[in-house]
Amino acid sequence: MNLTDELDRLRQKLGFDLLLLGKVVLIVVAAFILEQTATFLMKRAYLRSNQDPEDRTRYRFLRNATRLIVGILAFIGIIYSVPSLKHFAVTLFAGAGILVALLGLAAKDAFGNIISGVFIVSFKPFRVGDLIRVGDTYQGVVEDITLRHTVLNTFENRRVIIPNAIISDEVITNSTIRDEATCEFIEVGIGYESDLDRAMAVMAEECEQHPDCLDRRTPDDMERGMAKVPVRLVQIAESSLILRAAAWAKDPVVARSMHYDLNRIIKLRFDKEDIELPYPHRTITYKKGQVPTATA
């Protein structure tokens, strides 16, 4: 083989490699343009909508799904554009039956999460921006819903990533989906010797005066003389009388903050009114020559 033939062979090989590189670059650029165009159209449609939680949920879910689908299509296009990669992929999936079975088992959870994500967006048990509790473990604001998982932002500003298949199997407590107003129960124990009626009146007064406390009474309730903040004796406990005030706030976050404020305010007011906040008492009895015993 002379030098001219070698140069022609190298030139052909270089041209072929450049052609393959051009195809790969073209696929990547086309995928990027397609994803950006689809995202732009979805965003424009979202901005023209009411922009309520349902619209925001659909927009974010479809945006994430579009990115994933376009990425997968671009990856498949690159494989089939490069002959060596195409031959390798065909050989791998045609001859490695065990590997395909393992990949299928591994992808089972992924497909379960995708289907669960579609169900969440379709049936709307919660939406982006809703305050939810998942089972008895996690509570926070829904920040994002993807094909695979849901992102919660907790009150500690921590992101909790929960697979969609798991969150679909849990009991969801949604504090936002219909009415954000929240009834907060403020419970305080007083001593048996304390003035019960006075303690109940003090609790009702302090709750009603709190700036975040809402009046949720209907005109019929007012005609019947129902209090803005009803206070009840809910339990005669071992060493205290448990009083419960039901105070409303505009949403769960404000309600929890109001609860903490009222704990302090009621404690200070009880101190001024000489209303005892009890603590456990124990009476120790013993006889001469015996080990002392304690009873509550």
Protein backbone atom coordinates (compact mmCIF):
# COMPACT_ATOMS: atom_id res chain seq x y z
CA MET A 1 0.00 0.00 0.00
CA ASN A 2 1.54 3.29 -1.09
CA LEU A 3 1.39 6.61 0.71
CA THR A 4 -1.41 7.93 -1.47
CA ASP A 5 -3.71 5.03 -0.64
CA GLU A 6 -2.96 5.44 3.06
CA LEU A 7 -3.81 9.13 2.94
CA ASP A 8 -7.05 8.39 1.11
CA ARG A 9 -7.98 5.80 3.71
CA LEU A 10 -7.25 8.21 6.55
CA ARG A 11 -9.16 10.96 4.78
CA GLN A 12 -12.18 8.70 4.34
CA LYS A 13 -12.02 7.57 7.95
CA LEU A 14 -11.68 11.14 9.16
CA GLY A 15 -14.60 12.21 7.00
CA PHE A 16 -16.70 9.34 8.32
CA ASP A 17 -15.84 10.23 11.93
CA LEU A 18 -16.65 13.86 11.31
CA LEU A 19 -19.97 12.81 9.78
CA LEU A 20 -20.81 10.74 12.86
CA LEU A 21 -19.78 13.60 15.12
CA GLY A 22 -21.96 15.93 13.11
CA LYS A 23 -24.93 13.58 13.49
CA VAL A 24 -24.42 13.38 17.27
CA VAL A 25 -24.13 17.17 17.56
CA LEU A 26 -27.20 17.61 15.37
CA ILE A 27 -29.23 15.22 17.54
CA VAL A 28 -28.14 17.00 20.73
CA VAL A 29 -28.92 20.44 19.30
CA ALA A 30 -32.28 19.25 17.95
CA ALA A 31 -33.17 17.71 21.34
CA PHE A 32 -32.19 20.94 23.12
CA ILE A 33 -34.28 23.07 20.73
CA LEU A 34 -37.24 20.68 21.02
CA GLU A 35 -37.10 20.69 24.83
CA GLN A 36 -36.74 24.47 25.03
CA THR A 37 -39.58 25.01 22.54
CA ALA A 38 -41.92 22.65 24.38
CA THR A 39 -41.02 24.26 27.72
CA PHE A 40 -41.60 27.74 26.28
CA LEU A 41 -45.02 26.78 24.92
CA MET A 42 -46.04 25.14 28.19
CA LYS A 43 -44.86 28.15 30.19
CA ARG A 44 -46.75 30.54 27.94
CA ALA A 45 -49.89 28.45 28.30
CA TYR A 46 -49.39 28.41 32.09
CA LEU A 47 -48.95 32.19 32.25
CA ARG A 48 -52.18 32.62 30.27
CA SER A 49 -54.08 30.33 32.63
CA ASN A 50 -55.46 31.15 36.07
CA GLN A 51 -52.13 30.02 37.57
CA ASP A 52 -53.95 28.22 40.34
CA PRO A 53 -52.35 25.25 42.17
CA GLU A 54 -53.77 22.74 39.66
CA ASP A 55 -52.32 24.66 36.69
CA ARG A 56 -48.98 24.99 38.46
CA THR A 57 -48.92 21.25 39.23
CA ARG A 58 -49.67 20.25 35.62
CA TYR A 59 -47.09 22.70 34.27
CA ARG A 60 -44.26 21.43 36.48
CA PHE A 61 -45.12 17.77 35.93
CA LEU A 62 -45.32 18.12 32.14
CA ARG A 63 -42.12 20.19 32.07
CA ASN A 64 -40.22 17.48 33.96
CA ALA A 65 -41.77 14.73 31.83
CA THR A 66 -40.83 16.55 28.61
CA ARG A 67 -37.21 16.85 29.67
CA LEU A 68 -37.03 13.13 30.47
CA ILE A 69 -38.76 11.99 27.27
CA VAL A 70 -36.66 14.25 25.02
CA GLY A 71 -33.49 13.08 26.77
CA ILE A 72 -34.40 9.42 26.25
CA LEU A 73 -35.23 10.00 22.57
CA ALA A 74 -31.93 11.83 22.05
CA PHE A 75 -30.01 9.00 23.71
CA ILE A 76 -31.71 6.40 21.49
CA GLY A 77 -31.07 8.53 18.41
CA ILE A 78 -27.37 8.79 19.21
CA ILE A 79 -27.07 5.02 19.68
CA TYR A 80 -28.73 4.27 16.34
CA SER A 81 -26.70 6.93 14.54
CA VAL A 82 -23.34 5.39 15.48
CA PRO A 83 -22.98 1.94 13.83
CA SER A 84 -20.66 0.57 16.51
CA LEU A 85 -23.02 1.62 19.31
CA LYS A 86 -26.02 0.32 17.39
CA HIS A 87 -24.37 -3.07 16.85
CA PHE A 88 -23.36 -3.23 20.50
CA ALA A 89 -26.89 -2.34 21.69
CA VAL A 90 -28.56 -4.88 19.39
CA THR A 91 -26.13 -7.59 20.48
CA LEU A 92 -26.58 -6.72 24.14
CA PHE A 93 -30.37 -6.76 24.17
CA ALA A 94 -30.75 -9.66 21.74
CA GLY A 95 -28.25 -12.02 23.33
CA ALA A 96 -28.21 -11.13 27.01
CA GLY A 97 -31.62 -12.38 28.09
CA ILE A 98 -30.64 -12.49 31.74
CA LEU A 99 -29.43 -8.91 31.61
CA VAL A 100 -32.68 -7.80 30.01
CA ALA A 101 -34.64 -9.60 32.73
CA LEU A 102 -32.57 -7.91 35.43
CA LEU A 103 -33.07 -4.52 33.78
CA GLY A 104 -36.81 -5.21 33.66
CA LEU A 105 -36.90 -5.98 37.36
CA ALA A 106 -34.84 -2.89 38.14
CA ALA A 107 -37.15 -0.74 36.02
CA LYS A 108 -40.29 -2.09 37.72
CA ASP A 109 -40.08 0.44 40.56
CA ALA A 110 -39.29 3.22 38.11
CA PHE A 111 -42.40 2.46 36.04
CA GLY A 112 -44.44 2.21 39.24
CA ASN A 113 -43.29 5.69 40.24
CA ILE A 114 -44.13 7.07 36.78
CA ILE A 115 -47.64 5.61 36.82
CA SER A 116 -48.18 6.88 40.37
CA GLY A 117 -47.00 10.33 39.31
CA VAL A 118 -49.51 10.36 36.45
CA PHE A 119 -52.28 9.33 38.88
CA ILE A 120 -51.29 12.08 41.33
CA VAL A 121 -51.49 14.75 38.62
CA SER A 122 -54.73 13.30 37.23
CA PHE A 123 -56.71 12.72 40.44
CA LYS A 124 -55.14 15.65 42.39
CA PRO A 125 -54.93 14.39 46.00
CA PHE A 126 -52.49 17.27 46.40
CA ARG A 127 -50.99 19.98 44.23
CA VAL A 128 -47.83 22.05 44.12
CA GLY A 129 -48.06 24.55 46.98
CA ASP A 130 -50.32 22.41 49.19
CA LEU A 131 -49.42 21.74 52.81
CA ILE A 132 -49.70 17.99 53.34
CA ARG A 133 -48.81 15.28 55.83
CA VAL A 134 -47.70 11.92 54.45
CA GLY A 135 -48.75 9.19 56.86
CA ASP A 136 -47.50 9.99 60.35
CA THR A 137 -43.96 10.83 59.29
CA TYR A 138 -43.50 13.76 56.91
CA GLN A 139 -45.21 17.15 56.73
CA GLY A 140 -44.43 20.05 54.46
CA VAL A 141 -45.34 22.10 51.41
CA VAL A 142 -45.33 20.33 48.04
CA GLU A 143 -42.54 21.98 46.09
CA ASP A 144 -42.40 19.83 42.96
CA ILE A 145 -43.87 16.69 41.38
CA THR A 146 -41.71 14.81 38.88
CA LEU A 147 -42.19 11.54 37.03
CA ARG A 148 -40.32 9.70 39.77
CA HIS A 149 -40.83 11.55 43.06
CA THR A 150 -42.53 14.33 44.97
CA VAL A 151 -40.52 17.01 46.80
CA LEU A 152 -41.72 18.31 50.17
CA ASN A 153 -40.28 21.41 51.81
CA THR A 154 -40.61 20.91 55.57
CA PHE A 155 -40.98 23.61 58.22
CA GLU A 156 -37.25 23.20 58.89
CA ASN A 157 -36.58 24.12 55.22
CA ARG A 158 -35.44 20.57 54.45
CA ARG A 159 -36.37 18.87 51.20
CA VAL A 160 -37.88 15.41 51.58
CA ILE A 161 -37.80 13.34 48.39
CA ILE A 162 -40.57 10.71 48.40
CA PRO A 163 -41.03 8.25 45.51
CA ASN A 164 -44.46 8.60 43.94
CA ALA A 165 -45.27 4.90 44.42
CA ILE A 166 -44.71 5.24 48.17
CA ILE A 167 -46.64 8.47 48.59
CA SER A 168 -49.58 6.98 46.63
CA ASP A 169 -49.85 4.13 49.16
CA GLU A 170 -49.86 6.45 52.19
CA VAL A 171 -52.72 8.33 53.84
CA ILE A 172 -52.44 11.98 52.77
CA THR A 173 -53.67 14.76 55.05
CA ASN A 174 -54.13 17.84 52.87
CA SER A 175 -54.57 21.11 54.79
CA THR A 176 -54.89 23.29 51.69
CA ILE A 177 -56.94 21.58 48.99
CA ARG A 178 -60.34 22.99 50.03
CA ASP A 179 -60.16 25.41 52.96
CA GLU A 180 -56.90 26.46 54.60
CA ALA A 181 -58.60 27.70 57.78
CA THR A 182 -57.43 25.50 60.67
CA CYS A 183 -58.93 24.83 64.08
CA GLU A 184 -56.15 24.63 66.65
CA PHE A 185 -56.75 22.96 70.00
CA ILE A 186 -55.00 24.66 72.93
CA GLU A 187 -55.00 22.33 75.92
CA VAL A 188 -53.99 23.39 79.45
CA GLY A 189 -54.23 21.49 82.72
CA ILE A 190 -55.23 23.25 85.94
CA GLY A 191 -55.29 22.07 89.55
CA TYR A 192 -58.37 20.65 91.22
CA GLU A 193 -58.44 23.56 93.69
CA SER A 194 -58.38 26.21 90.94
CA ASP A 195 -61.46 28.20 89.91
CA LEU A 196 -62.65 26.17 86.91
CA ASP A 197 -65.05 28.73 85.48
CA ARG A 198 -62.52 31.53 85.84
CA ALA A 199 -59.82 29.51 84.11
CA MET A 200 -62.15 28.74 81.21
CA ALA A 201 -63.10 32.40 80.89
CA VAL A 202 -59.44 33.47 80.89
CA MET A 203 -58.56 30.99 78.16
CA ALA A 204 -61.46 32.13 76.00
CA GLU A 205 -60.60 35.79 76.52
CA GLU A 206 -56.91 35.42 75.65
CA CYS A 207 -57.66 33.32 72.57
CA GLU A 208 -60.27 35.73 71.27
CA GLN A 209 -57.91 38.69 71.71
CA HIS A 210 -55.12 37.08 69.70
CA PRO A 211 -54.75 38.93 66.35
CA ASP A 212 -54.61 35.70 64.34
CA CYS A 213 -57.77 34.22 65.83
CA LEU A 214 -60.66 34.05 63.34
CA ASP A 215 -64.36 34.21 64.05
CA ARG A 216 -65.84 31.27 62.13
CA ARG A 217 -69.33 31.50 63.61
CA THR A 218 -72.34 31.66 61.35
CA PRO A 219 -75.24 34.04 62.08
CA ASP A 220 -77.17 31.07 63.47
CA ASP A 221 -74.28 30.25 65.79
CA MET A 222 -74.25 33.82 67.08
CA GLU A 223 -78.00 33.75 67.66
CA ARG A 224 -77.58 30.61 69.75
CA GLY A 225 -74.92 32.40 71.81
CA MET A 226 -72.01 30.22 70.70
CA ALA A 227 -68.66 31.64 71.80
CA LYS A 228 -66.02 32.70 69.30
CA VAL A 229 -63.58 30.36 71.06
CA PRO A 230 -65.40 27.59 72.93
CA VAL A 231 -63.56 26.19 75.94
CA ARG A 232 -64.43 22.75 77.30
CA LEU A 233 -63.37 20.56 80.19
CA VAL A 234 -62.25 17.56 78.14
CA GLN A 235 -60.70 15.36 80.82
CA ILE A 236 -60.54 14.89 84.56
CA ALA A 237 -57.00 13.58 84.71
CA GLU A 238 -55.05 12.00 87.55
CA SER A 239 -53.67 15.26 88.90
CA SER A 240 -55.28 17.99 86.78
CA LEU A 241 -58.36 19.20 84.94
CA ILE A 242 -57.65 19.40 81.19
CA LEU A 243 -59.21 22.41 79.45
CA ARG A 244 -59.34 22.70 75.66
CA ALA A 245 -59.91 25.89 73.66
CA ALA A 246 -60.77 25.62 69.94
CA ALA A 247 -59.30 28.64 68.14
CA TRP A 248 -59.34 29.15 64.37
CA ALA A 249 -56.59 30.67 62.20
CA LYS A 250 -56.35 31.33 58.47
CA ASP A 251 -53.96 28.46 57.68
CA PRO A 252 -52.02 25.66 59.43
CA VAL A 253 -48.77 27.62 59.71
CA VAL A 254 -50.41 30.63 61.33
CA ALA A 255 -52.46 28.31 63.55
CA ARG A 256 -49.35 26.59 64.89
CA SER A 257 -47.64 29.93 65.56
CA MET A 258 -50.79 31.19 67.33
CA HIS A 259 -50.82 28.03 69.45
CA TYR A 260 -47.28 28.68 70.66
CA ASP A 261 -48.11 32.33 71.45
CA LEU A 262 -51.20 31.34 73.43
CA ASN A 263 -49.28 28.78 75.47
CA ARG A 264 -47.10 31.59 76.80
CA ILE A 265 -49.89 34.16 77.14
CA ILE A 266 -52.23 31.81 79.02
CA LYS A 267 -49.44 30.68 81.37
CA LEU A 268 -48.61 34.30 82.30
CA ARG A 269 -52.31 35.16 82.72
CA PHE A 270 -52.89 32.12 84.94
CA ASP A 271 -50.00 33.24 87.13
CA LYS A 272 -51.67 36.63 87.60
CA GLU A 273 -55.04 35.04 88.34
CA ASP A 274 -53.52 32.56 90.84
CA ILE A 275 -54.72 29.64 88.72
CA GLU A 276 -52.50 26.68 89.46
CA LEU A 277 -50.79 24.72 86.70
CA PRO A 278 -50.32 21.42 88.55
CA TYR A 279 -47.44 19.01 88.63
CA PRO A 280 -47.54 15.38 89.73
CA HIS A 281 -47.72 14.77 93.51
CA ARG A 282 -46.56 11.62 95.27
CA THR A 283 -47.32 10.55 98.82
CA ILE A 284 -44.74 8.31 100.49
CA THR A 285 -46.02 5.98 103.20
CA TYR A 286 -44.02 3.47 105.18
CA LYS A 287 -44.18 1.55 108.41
CA LYS A 288 -41.42 0.94 110.86
CA GLY A 289 -39.15 -1.80 109.65
CA GLN A 290 -40.57 -1.84 106.10
CA VAL A 291 -39.24 -0.48 102.84
CA PRO A 292 -40.98 2.84 101.96
CA THR A 293 -43.48 2.71 99.06
CA ALA A 294 -44.62 5.58 96.88
CA THR A 295 -48.13 6.18 95.54
CA ALA A 296 -49.27 8.86 93.20
